[in-house]
Amino acid sequence: MNKLSLDLALSISCVCFLFDIYLCATSQDIRLCPPGWHAAIKPRVCLQINYQLRKYEVARQICQTFGGDLLINFDEEKAKVIFADGRRKPFIIGLNHQKNFGVFRWLDNPREITNLPWAASQPDLYNRDKRCVLLINNPVVGSNMHTFRCREALNYICESYPDCPTNTFGFECAYTCNLNCAGQSNACDNFTGFCKHGCDDGYLGDRCDVPCAHSTFGKDCSKKCPENCGGPVNACNNVNGLCTDGCDAGYKGQTCNEPCTKNTFGQSCLESCNSKCGGPADACDRFTGFCSNGCDDGYQGDRCEAPCAITFFGVNCSEICSQNCGGQNNTCDNVDGFCKEGCDEGYFGKRCQTRQTRSSTAIILNLTKVVAALMFLLIFLTIVLVSFRPRNPPPIIAYINEPEVRMHNLDGTEDNTTEVGPTLSVSGVKSSSIFTRSVPSDQLSSLHAGSGSIESHTNFRAPDNHADDVSVERPSIPHDNDVPADSSS
């Protein structure tokens, strides 16, 4: 294809001219006409340019065998196809004045045609033998037609009108209308395949096979993608405008029109602000992530990611660790400044800022000794108390006095003797270790209780066996002087 045909192809819907037989398309080459024929789009015809010399009637018969006829209704669009090669060859066309001399008609139209692009001194009405018309590529615009004798053999041009069922087009109706054609039936021209009702949202082109450019979408690609869509060209879906490559820094959402919420930043707000950012909410810039309120104590940098250097601490790392901190580098905690490796000799405190004196040293030593002595004494007393603690507590003694009982003689007279029944109970050893002892009244003066003594004038009832016998259940308890001994004996 030469430069002229290339220019023409660019100017008329990408039609491939000269001897090409395809209509150029962005997605595929689509054949509209039979091999050897060329498509003229707007007239919706196929043109066959023949360089075999034939007389008028013979040429017409050949064209009719292809379902067409000699070229008719010559116009600018057909001229671009016919003269694409630039050669100045004469072609027989379907125009003549055979029936009525001087009245020119196209083969398909009985009406007279005027305002034809005649060359200079044409038509030649002085020669009644020249009743047919030829077409020639004349450099002078609008001067392409001449009359000639119909019996002369010349090149000729055939023209046909392909026709296809609904939703199909092209040579032998081999192509289907594009699904992006607007309308329910995706209707397109059955010759060219051009969409009759325009395109669905997101597509362009005569056949609606060209998606919108990256930065446009919608009907006729007339809308611009949201300015905050990610990617180098603000790419979005060509149909609905949703951002396809995420969002620019600082924005989120399907159309990237929502600013980042607190504590998030970056592209599509997918990053979190550093927890070391200062302020109550760890706030940072939604675009860069830089901490808006400075850093927490002990950290530095735009995003507060770096701890203070080893000898610095505090707000913005502006404070210097104490020179009295231990270790080679006087290191301290980056947040509070507390010395990590203790203090140099002669200093104490969390930051090693207090200097020790002789008096303070002596006080500390003395306090240490006193504390040690008290601890030793406490341990000793504990051991002694444990060693001398009785195994079992002493028994508890209780006495129960029964009321006086007056004695009577055999003759019924009242005796002067008073009988009293003292009962001695001992408990506190085991639940079953209880004994009872009865004593005569003359021995009461020597009987004492753990909680006091029993007076000698108290009257007890004396048993017949003089109450010297002791009845004791386990364990045995001595009764010398009637004072119970330790339960362990």
Protein backbone atom coordinates (compact mmCIF):
# COMPACT_ATOMS: atom_id res chain seq x y z
CA MET A 1 0.00 0.00 0.00
CA ASN A 2 1.45 3.37 -1.00
CA LYS A 3 1.34 6.59 0.99
CA LEU A 4 -1.80 7.85 -0.75
CA SER A 5 -3.78 4.73 0.06
CA LEU A 6 -2.52 4.82 3.64
CA ASP A 7 -3.70 8.41 4.05
CA LEU A 8 -7.07 7.52 2.62
CA ALA A 9 -7.36 4.52 4.91
CA LEU A 10 -6.74 6.69 7.93
CA SER A 11 -9.36 9.21 6.86
CA ILE A 12 -12.22 6.83 6.03
CA SER A 13 -13.04 4.41 8.82
CA CYS A 14 -9.86 2.41 8.38
CA VAL A 15 -10.86 1.07 4.94
CA CYS A 16 -8.00 -0.79 3.27
CA PHE A 17 -7.90 0.37 -0.32
CA LEU A 18 -6.02 -0.51 -3.47
CA PHE A 19 -6.12 -4.27 -3.98
CA ASP A 20 -6.80 -5.13 -0.34
CA ILE A 21 -10.04 -6.94 0.27
CA TYR A 22 -10.47 -6.33 4.00
CA LEU A 23 -11.96 -3.67 6.15
CA CYS A 24 -9.37 -2.89 8.83
CA ALA A 25 -10.52 -3.46 12.41
CA THR A 26 -8.77 -3.06 15.70
CA SER A 27 -9.41 -6.62 16.85
CA GLN A 28 -9.34 -8.60 13.60
CA ASP A 29 -9.36 -8.25 9.83
CA ILE A 30 -12.95 -8.57 8.64
CA ARG A 31 -13.71 -9.56 5.06
CA LEU A 32 -16.71 -7.64 3.73
CA CYS A 33 -16.47 -8.49 0.06
CA PRO A 34 -15.49 -11.49 -2.04
CA PRO A 35 -11.82 -11.95 -2.91
CA GLY A 36 -10.76 -9.40 -5.52
CA TRP A 37 -13.42 -6.90 -4.46
CA HIS A 38 -13.05 -3.73 -2.40
CA ALA A 39 -15.46 -2.33 0.13
CA ALA A 40 -16.80 1.18 -0.15
CA ILE A 41 -18.23 1.66 3.30
CA LYS A 42 -20.71 4.50 3.20
CA PRO A 43 -22.35 3.43 -0.05
CA ARG A 44 -22.32 -0.12 1.36
CA VAL A 45 -21.08 -1.69 -1.85
CA CYS A 46 -18.33 -3.96 -3.04
CA LEU A 47 -16.29 -2.74 -6.00
CA GLN A 48 -14.30 -4.88 -8.41
CA ILE A 49 -11.72 -3.03 -10.49
CA ASN A 50 -10.99 -4.97 -13.67
CA TYR A 51 -8.05 -4.28 -15.91
CA GLN A 52 -9.13 -6.72 -18.62
CA LEU A 53 -10.27 -4.83 -21.70
CA ARG A 54 -13.93 -5.45 -22.49
CA LYS A 55 -16.65 -3.77 -24.51
CA TYR A 56 -19.55 -2.16 -22.69
CA GLU A 57 -22.11 -4.96 -23.07
CA VAL A 58 -19.60 -7.74 -22.32
CA ALA A 59 -18.33 -5.95 -19.23
CA ARG A 60 -21.88 -5.51 -17.97
CA GLN A 61 -22.65 -9.21 -18.41
CA ILE A 62 -19.56 -10.18 -16.42
CA CYS A 63 -20.61 -7.91 -13.54
CA GLN A 64 -24.10 -9.37 -13.53
CA THR A 65 -22.72 -12.89 -13.05
CA PHE A 66 -21.45 -11.71 -9.63
CA GLY A 67 -24.86 -10.45 -8.64
CA GLY A 68 -24.06 -6.86 -9.47
CA ASP A 69 -23.69 -4.49 -12.41
CA LEU A 70 -21.39 -1.80 -13.76
CA LEU A 71 -20.55 0.94 -11.26
CA ILE A 72 -23.40 3.38 -10.69
CA ASN A 73 -23.94 6.50 -8.63
CA PHE A 74 -20.33 7.53 -8.71
CA ASP A 75 -19.39 9.69 -5.70
CA GLU A 76 -16.41 10.82 -3.71
CA GLU A 77 -16.31 7.71 -1.49
CA LYS A 78 -16.17 5.38 -4.47
CA ALA A 79 -13.59 7.58 -6.16
CA LYS A 80 -11.23 7.10 -3.19
CA VAL A 81 -11.39 3.35 -3.69
CA ILE A 82 -11.11 3.39 -7.47
CA PHE A 83 -8.26 5.87 -7.73
CA ALA A 84 -6.31 4.69 -4.70
CA ASP A 85 -3.42 3.37 -6.81
CA GLY A 86 -3.00 6.72 -8.54
CA ARG A 87 -3.00 5.27 -12.03
CA ARG A 88 -4.79 7.23 -14.77
CA LYS A 89 -6.72 4.40 -16.38
CA PRO A 90 -10.12 4.77 -18.05
CA PHE A 91 -12.96 2.55 -16.70
CA ILE A 92 -16.34 1.76 -18.19
CA ILE A 93 -19.16 2.64 -15.76
CA GLY A 94 -22.95 2.18 -15.78
CA LEU A 95 -23.82 5.61 -17.22
CA ASN A 96 -24.98 6.26 -20.82
CA HIS A 97 -27.42 8.13 -23.06
CA GLN A 98 -28.22 5.31 -25.40
CA LYS A 99 -32.02 5.77 -25.40
CA ASN A 100 -32.23 9.52 -25.64
CA PHE A 101 -29.18 11.26 -27.01
CA GLY A 102 -27.96 13.90 -24.59
CA VAL A 103 -30.05 12.55 -21.67
CA PHE A 104 -27.70 10.64 -19.33
CA ARG A 105 -29.08 8.02 -16.93
CA TRP A 106 -27.60 5.51 -14.45
CA LEU A 107 -28.49 1.90 -15.06
CA ASP A 108 -30.70 1.68 -11.98
CA ASN A 109 -32.45 5.03 -12.41
CA PRO A 110 -34.61 6.13 -15.34
CA ARG A 111 -34.37 9.76 -14.33
CA GLU A 112 -31.98 12.12 -16.06
CA ILE A 113 -28.77 12.86 -14.17
CA THR A 114 -27.25 16.32 -14.31
CA ASN A 115 -24.30 18.03 -12.64
CA LEU A 116 -21.93 15.21 -13.51
CA PRO A 117 -18.14 15.70 -13.13
CA TRP A 118 -17.38 16.11 -16.85
CA ALA A 119 -13.89 16.78 -18.06
CA ALA A 120 -13.20 19.77 -20.25
CA SER A 121 -15.10 19.75 -23.59
CA GLN A 122 -17.28 16.93 -22.32
CA PRO A 123 -19.74 15.44 -22.95
CA ASP A 124 -19.07 15.20 -26.69
CA LEU A 125 -22.54 15.73 -28.07
CA TYR A 126 -21.28 16.43 -31.57
CA ASN A 127 -20.40 12.78 -32.08
CA ARG A 128 -23.65 10.83 -31.85
CA ASP A 129 -21.70 7.57 -31.79
CA LYS A 130 -20.30 8.28 -28.33
CA ARG A 131 -23.20 7.12 -26.19
CA CYS A 132 -21.33 5.41 -23.31
CA VAL A 133 -19.39 7.06 -20.45
CA LEU A 134 -15.98 6.25 -18.98
CA LEU A 135 -14.30 7.33 -15.75
CA ILE A 136 -10.68 8.43 -15.51
CA ASN A 137 -8.45 9.57 -12.67
CA ASN A 138 -7.94 13.20 -13.59
CA PRO A 139 -5.70 15.42 -11.44
CA VAL A 140 -8.21 18.19 -11.95
CA VAL A 141 -10.85 17.65 -9.29
CA GLY A 142 -14.37 17.22 -10.63
CA SER A 143 -13.37 16.47 -14.19
CA ASN A 144 -13.41 12.68 -14.39
CA MET A 145 -16.00 11.72 -17.07
CA HIS A 146 -15.79 11.36 -20.86
CA THR A 147 -18.13 10.00 -23.50
CA PHE A 148 -16.83 7.18 -25.76
CA ARG A 149 -18.00 4.66 -28.34
CA CYS A 150 -19.68 1.70 -26.62
CA ARG A 151 -17.94 -0.77 -28.94
CA GLU A 152 -14.49 0.23 -27.62
CA ALA A 153 -12.84 -2.26 -25.24
CA LEU A 154 -11.72 -0.66 -21.98
CA ASN A 155 -11.15 -1.45 -18.28
CA TYR A 156 -14.35 -1.65 -16.26
CA ILE A 157 -15.65 -1.53 -12.67
CA CYS A 158 -18.28 -3.87 -11.23
CA GLU A 159 -20.44 -3.09 -8.22
CA SER A 160 -22.45 -5.46 -5.97
CA TYR A 161 -24.64 -5.11 -2.90
CA PRO A 162 -24.16 -7.95 -0.39
CA ASP A 163 -27.06 -8.62 1.98
CA CYS A 164 -27.11 -10.69 5.21
CA PRO A 165 -29.66 -11.79 7.82
CA THR A 166 -30.14 -9.83 11.03
CA ASN A 167 -27.10 -9.59 13.34
CA THR A 168 -24.72 -10.90 10.68
CA PHE A 169 -22.57 -9.12 8.13
CA GLY A 170 -19.57 -9.39 5.86
CA PHE A 171 -18.59 -11.69 3.07
CA GLU A 172 -20.79 -14.77 3.10
CA CYS A 173 -22.37 -13.29 6.28
CA ALA A 174 -19.62 -14.90 8.32
CA TYR A 175 -19.55 -12.30 11.10
CA THR A 176 -21.86 -11.55 14.02
CA CYS A 177 -22.72 -8.09 15.25
CA ASN A 178 -20.65 -7.05 18.27
CA LEU A 179 -22.24 -7.66 21.66
CA ASN A 180 -21.32 -4.12 22.63
CA CYS A 181 -23.70 -2.69 20.04
CA ALA A 182 -26.42 -0.77 21.86
CA GLY A 183 -29.97 -2.06 21.86
CA GLN A 184 -31.54 -5.35 22.86
CA SER A 185 -30.76 -7.12 19.60
CA ASN A 186 -27.20 -5.78 19.24
CA ALA A 187 -28.30 -4.66 15.77
CA CYS A 188 -25.67 -3.77 13.19
CA ASP A 189 -25.55 -3.03 9.47
CA ASN A 190 -25.69 -6.31 7.56
CA PHE A 191 -23.03 -5.16 5.14
CA THR A 192 -20.48 -3.30 7.25
CA GLY A 193 -21.24 -4.57 10.74
CA PHE A 194 -21.47 -1.01 12.03
CA CYS A 195 -23.69 -0.74 15.11
CA LYS A 196 -26.96 0.96 14.18
CA HIS A 197 -27.76 2.46 17.60
CA GLY A 198 -24.36 3.33 18.90
CA CYS A 199 -22.41 1.52 21.59
CA ASP A 200 -22.98 0.31 25.10
CA ASP A 201 -21.26 2.21 27.88
CA GLY A 202 -17.51 1.85 27.78
CA TYR A 203 -16.99 1.26 24.06
CA LEU A 204 -16.25 3.22 20.90
CA GLY A 205 -15.88 2.63 17.17
CA ASP A 206 -18.20 1.88 14.30
CA ARG A 207 -18.51 -1.71 15.51
CA CYS A 208 -18.14 -0.81 19.23
CA ASP A 209 -15.08 -3.00 19.54
CA VAL A 210 -12.78 -0.34 21.00
CA PRO A 211 -12.81 -0.03 24.82
CA CYS A 212 -12.52 3.42 26.33
CA ALA A 213 -9.04 4.68 26.98
CA HIS A 214 -7.70 4.07 30.50
CA SER A 215 -8.75 7.44 31.86
CA THR A 216 -12.32 7.52 30.44
CA PHE A 217 -15.48 5.45 30.83
CA GLY A 218 -19.23 5.45 30.29
CA LYS A 219 -21.42 6.41 27.35
CA ASP A 220 -19.27 7.31 24.35
CA CYS A 221 -16.32 7.27 26.78
CA SER A 222 -17.29 10.81 27.68
CA LYS A 223 -16.63 10.57 31.43
CA LYS A 224 -13.27 10.85 33.11
CA CYS A 225 -12.07 8.31 35.65
CA PRO A 226 -11.91 9.57 39.26
CA GLU A 227 -8.78 11.62 39.72
CA ASN A 228 -7.68 9.58 42.74
CA CYS A 229 -7.66 6.23 40.94
CA GLY A 230 -4.30 4.52 41.26
CA GLY A 231 -1.89 3.74 38.46
CA PRO A 232 -0.03 6.03 36.10
CA VAL A 233 -3.12 7.01 34.07
CA ASN A 234 -5.89 6.98 36.70
CA ALA A 235 -7.18 3.72 35.26
CA CYS A 236 -10.78 2.73 35.89
CA ASN A 237 -13.30 0.23 34.55
CA ASN A 238 -14.36 1.40 31.09
CA VAL A 239 -18.03 0.63 31.83
CA ASN A 240 -18.76 1.73 35.41
CA GLY A 241 -15.76 3.89 36.29
CA LEU A 242 -14.64 1.87 39.32
CA CYS A 243 -10.92 2.20 39.94
CA THR A 244 -9.11 -0.93 38.77
CA ASP A 245 -5.62 -0.30 40.18
CA GLY A 246 -6.53 0.77 43.69
CA CYS A 247 -6.36 4.35 44.93
CA ASP A 248 -3.74 7.03 45.19
CA ALA A 249 -2.18 7.59 48.59
CA GLY A 250 -4.64 9.03 51.08
CA TYR A 251 -7.85 7.68 49.51
CA LYS A 252 -9.96 4.52 49.54
CA GLY A 253 -13.26 3.20 48.18
CA GLN A 254 -14.35 1.81 44.82
CA THR A 255 -14.12 5.24 43.22
CA CYS A 256 -11.34 6.44 45.54
CA ASN A 257 -13.35 9.39 46.80
CA GLU A 258 -13.08 8.58 50.52
CA PRO A 259 -10.14 9.97 52.51
CA CYS A 260 -8.27 7.63 54.82
CA THR A 261 -9.66 7.35 58.32
CA LYS A 262 -7.51 7.93 61.38
CA ASN A 263 -4.49 5.71 61.91
CA THR A 264 -4.30 4.72 58.20
CA PHE A 265 -2.44 6.13 55.23
CA GLY A 266 -0.94 5.33 51.84
CA GLN A 267 -2.35 3.80 48.67
CA SER A 268 -5.93 2.65 49.29
CA CYS A 269 -5.29 3.44 53.01
CA LEU A 270 -3.79 -0.02 53.47
CA GLU A 271 -0.99 1.03 55.84
CA SER A 272 -1.30 1.83 59.54
CA CYS A 273 0.24 4.77 61.34
CA ASN A 274 3.12 3.85 63.62
CA SER A 275 2.03 3.20 67.19
CA LYS A 276 4.91 5.40 68.33
CA CYS A 277 3.35 8.49 66.77
CA GLY A 278 2.63 11.07 69.42
CA GLY A 279 -0.82 12.14 70.51
CA PRO A 280 -3.75 10.10 71.79
CA ALA A 281 -4.76 8.63 68.43
CA ASP A 282 -1.37 7.83 66.89
CA ALA A 283 -2.34 10.28 64.14
CA CYS A 284 -0.30 10.54 60.96
CA ASP A 285 -0.56 12.22 57.57
CA ARG A 286 -2.90 10.15 55.34
CA PHE A 287 -0.67 10.63 52.31
CA THR A 288 2.85 10.12 53.69
CA GLY A 289 2.34 8.43 57.04
CA PHE A 290 4.43 11.11 58.76
CA CYS A 291 3.42 11.47 62.41
CA SER A 292 1.35 14.63 62.81
CA ASN A 293 2.03 15.22 66.51
CA GLY A 294 5.64 14.19 66.78
CA CYS A 295 6.82 10.97 68.41
CA ASP A 296 6.37 9.22 71.71
CA ASP A 297 9.27 9.56 74.13
CA GLY A 298 12.27 7.60 72.95
CA TYR A 299 11.59 7.64 69.19
CA GLN A 300 12.46 9.82 66.23
CA GLY A 301 12.03 10.14 62.45
CA ASP A 302 9.17 11.24 60.20
CA ARG A 303 7.24 8.08 61.03
CA CYS A 304 8.76 7.59 64.51
CA GLU A 305 10.23 4.27 63.49
CA ALA A 306 13.74 4.81 64.88
CA PRO A 307 14.56 4.59 68.60
CA CYS A 308 16.90 7.17 70.07
CA ALA A 309 20.63 6.69 69.67
CA ILE A 310 22.25 4.78 72.54
CA THR A 311 23.18 7.90 74.55
CA PHE A 312 19.90 9.82 74.07
CA PHE A 313 16.36 9.49 75.36
CA GLY A 314 13.09 11.32 75.96
CA VAL A 315 11.03 13.73 73.86
CA ASN A 316 12.43 13.90 70.32
CA CYS A 317 15.53 12.15 71.70
CA SER A 318 16.67 15.53 72.96
CA GLU A 319 17.93 14.42 76.37
CA ILE A 320 21.34 12.89 77.03
CA CYS A 321 21.91 9.81 79.17
CA SER A 322 23.73 10.46 82.46
CA GLN A 323 27.49 10.30 82.25
CA ASN A 324 27.38 8.25 85.43
CA CYS A 325 25.55 5.35 83.78
CA GLY A 326 27.60 2.17 83.86
CA GLY A 327 29.03 0.44 80.82
CA GLN A 328 31.33 1.63 78.10
CA ASN A 329 28.87 3.95 76.33
CA ASN A 330 26.87 5.30 79.28
CA THR A 331 23.77 3.67 77.71
CA CYS A 332 20.31 4.26 79.11
CA ASP A 333 16.71 3.36 78.24
CA ASN A 334 15.58 5.36 75.19
CA VAL A 335 12.23 6.20 76.81
CA ASP A 336 12.85 7.08 80.48
CA GLY A 337 16.62 7.47 80.61
CA PHE A 338 17.13 4.82 83.30
CA CYS A 339 20.66 3.44 83.21
CA LYS A 340 20.67 -0.08 81.77
CA GLU A 341 24.00 -1.28 83.22
CA GLY A 342 23.87 0.22 86.67
CA CYS A 343 25.89 3.21 87.87
CA ASP A 344 29.52 4.14 87.94
CA GLU A 345 31.21 3.80 91.33
CA GLY A 346 30.14 6.51 93.74
CA TYR A 347 26.66 7.09 92.22
CA PHE A 348 23.23 5.61 92.68
CA GLY A 349 19.63 6.16 91.55
CA LYS A 350 17.72 5.06 88.42
CA ARG A 351 19.56 7.64 86.37
CA CYS A 352 22.73 7.54 88.50
CA GLN A 353 22.43 11.22 89.34
CA THR A 354 22.92 10.98 93.14
CA ARG A 355 26.49 11.02 94.44
CA GLN A 356 27.31 8.83 97.42
CA THR A 357 29.15 10.44 100.46
CA ARG A 358 31.11 8.78 103.38
CA SER A 359 28.35 9.45 105.93
CA SER A 360 25.70 8.02 103.70
CA THR A 361 27.87 4.99 103.06
CA ALA A 362 28.31 4.40 106.80
CA ILE A 363 24.58 4.73 107.42
CA ILE A 364 23.85 2.20 104.73
CA LEU A 365 26.39 -0.25 106.20
CA ASN A 366 25.01 0.15 109.75
CA LEU A 367 21.46 -0.34 108.58
CA THR A 368 22.55 -3.47 106.81
CA LYS A 369 24.10 -4.85 110.00
CA VAL A 370 21.02 -4.05 112.11
CA VAL A 371 18.72 -5.73 109.64
CA ALA A 372 20.94 -8.82 109.60
CA ALA A 373 20.97 -9.02 113.44
CA LEU A 374 17.19 -8.69 113.66
CA MET A 375 16.74 -11.43 111.14
CA PHE A 376 19.06 -13.75 113.11
CA LEU A 377 17.20 -13.05 116.39
CA LEU A 378 13.84 -13.72 114.77
CA ILE A 379 15.03 -17.06 113.45
CA PHE A 380 16.46 -18.06 116.88
CA LEU A 381 13.25 -17.24 118.76
CA THR A 382 11.22 -19.17 116.25
CA ILE A 383 13.36 -22.27 116.79
CA VAL A 384 13.09 -22.01 120.62
CA LEU A 385 9.33 -21.61 120.61
CA VAL A 386 8.90 -24.56 118.33
CA SER A 387 11.16 -26.75 120.54
CA PHE A 388 9.34 -25.99 123.88
CA ARG A 389 5.79 -25.95 122.61
CA PRO A 390 3.74 -28.63 124.58
CA ARG A 391 2.57 -31.49 122.55
CA ASN A 392 -0.99 -31.34 123.96
CA PRO A 393 -2.68 -28.64 126.07
CA PRO A 394 -3.27 -29.45 129.79
CA PRO A 395 -6.63 -30.88 130.67
CA ILE A 396 -9.39 -28.63 131.88
CA ILE A 397 -10.94 -29.49 135.23
CA ALA A 398 -14.50 -28.65 136.18
CA TYR A 399 -16.35 -29.37 139.40
CA ILE A 400 -20.08 -29.82 139.67
CA ASN A 401 -21.73 -29.42 143.10
CA GLU A 402 -24.85 -31.35 143.73
CA PRO A 403 -27.40 -29.98 146.28
CA GLU A 404 -27.10 -30.92 149.97
CA VAL A 405 -28.80 -34.12 151.03
CA ARG A 406 -29.79 -34.48 154.70
CA MET A 407 -29.09 -37.91 156.19
CA HIS A 408 -31.63 -39.81 158.45
CA ASN A 409 -31.11 -42.43 161.16
CA LEU A 410 -32.77 -45.82 161.11
CA ASP A 411 -35.41 -44.70 163.55
CA GLY A 412 -36.38 -41.94 161.19
CA THR A 413 -34.78 -39.09 163.09
CA GLU A 414 -32.70 -36.57 161.15
CA ASP A 415 -28.93 -37.13 161.31
CA ASN A 416 -26.48 -34.29 161.71
CA THR A 417 -24.41 -35.57 158.81
CA THR A 418 -24.66 -33.74 155.50
CA GLU A 419 -23.83 -35.54 152.30
CA VAL A 420 -22.70 -33.65 149.29
CA GLY A 421 -21.83 -35.12 145.95
CA PRO A 422 -18.84 -33.33 144.33
CA THR A 423 -18.10 -34.59 140.87
CA LEU A 424 -14.62 -34.04 139.39
CA SER A 425 -14.51 -34.09 135.57
CA VAL A 426 -11.28 -33.87 133.58
CA SER A 427 -11.35 -33.14 129.85
CA GLY A 428 -9.03 -31.80 127.20
CA VAL A 429 -7.11 -34.90 126.36
CA LYS A 430 -9.14 -37.00 123.98
CA SER A 431 -12.84 -36.98 123.39
CA SER A 432 -13.37 -40.19 125.47
CA SER A 433 -10.79 -39.54 128.25
CA ILE A 434 -13.03 -38.48 131.13
CA PHE A 435 -12.64 -39.66 134.76
CA THR A 436 -14.72 -39.14 137.87
CA ARG A 437 -13.35 -39.06 141.43
CA SER A 438 -15.28 -38.83 144.64
CA VAL A 439 -13.44 -37.73 147.77
CA PRO A 440 -14.48 -37.48 151.41
CA SER A 441 -15.19 -34.07 152.79
CA ASP A 442 -12.19 -34.10 155.10
CA GLN A 443 -9.88 -34.17 152.06
CA LEU A 444 -11.41 -31.20 150.27
CA SER A 445 -8.92 -28.75 151.71
CA SER A 446 -6.15 -30.31 149.69
CA LEU A 447 -8.13 -30.32 146.40
CA HIS A 448 -7.51 -27.44 144.02
CA ALA A 449 -8.93 -26.72 140.59
CA GLY A 450 -7.21 -25.13 137.67
CA SER A 451 -9.54 -22.17 137.95
CA GLY A 452 -9.47 -21.81 141.78
CA SER A 453 -9.58 -23.80 145.02
CA ILE A 454 -12.56 -25.55 146.61
CA GLU A 455 -13.15 -24.25 150.12
CA SER A 456 -12.82 -26.74 153.02
CA HIS A 457 -16.25 -25.96 154.41
CA THR A 458 -18.00 -27.13 151.22
CA ASN A 459 -19.95 -30.28 151.93
CA PHE A 460 -19.65 -33.23 149.51
CA ARG A 461 -21.30 -36.57 149.59
CA ALA A 462 -18.73 -39.19 150.44
CA PRO A 463 -19.10 -42.63 148.86
CA ASP A 464 -18.92 -45.85 150.91
CA ASN A 465 -15.52 -46.77 149.54
CA HIS A 466 -14.03 -43.51 150.85
CA ALA A 467 -13.55 -42.47 147.25
CA ASP A 468 -9.87 -43.26 147.11
CA ASP A 469 -10.32 -45.26 143.99
CA VAL A 470 -9.94 -43.48 140.70
CA SER A 471 -11.67 -44.62 137.56
CA VAL A 472 -9.78 -43.34 134.52
CA GLU A 473 -10.23 -44.01 130.82
CA ARG A 474 -7.27 -43.59 128.49
CA PRO A 475 -4.92 -41.81 129.18
CA SER A 476 -4.17 -42.25 132.94
CA ILE A 477 -4.06 -39.01 134.90
CA PRO A 478 -2.37 -38.92 138.38
CA HIS A 479 -4.42 -37.62 141.31
CA ASP A 480 -1.80 -36.66 143.86
CA ASN A 481 -3.28 -33.67 145.64
CA ASP A 482 -6.04 -33.95 143.06
CA VAL A 483 -4.18 -31.68 140.64
CA PRO A 484 -3.99 -33.20 137.17
CA ALA A 485 -0.54 -33.51 135.70
CA ASP A 486 0.55 -32.79 132.07
CA SER A 487 -1.47 -34.99 129.74
CA SER A 488 1.75 -36.21 128.20
CA SER A 489 2.88 -37.99 131.40
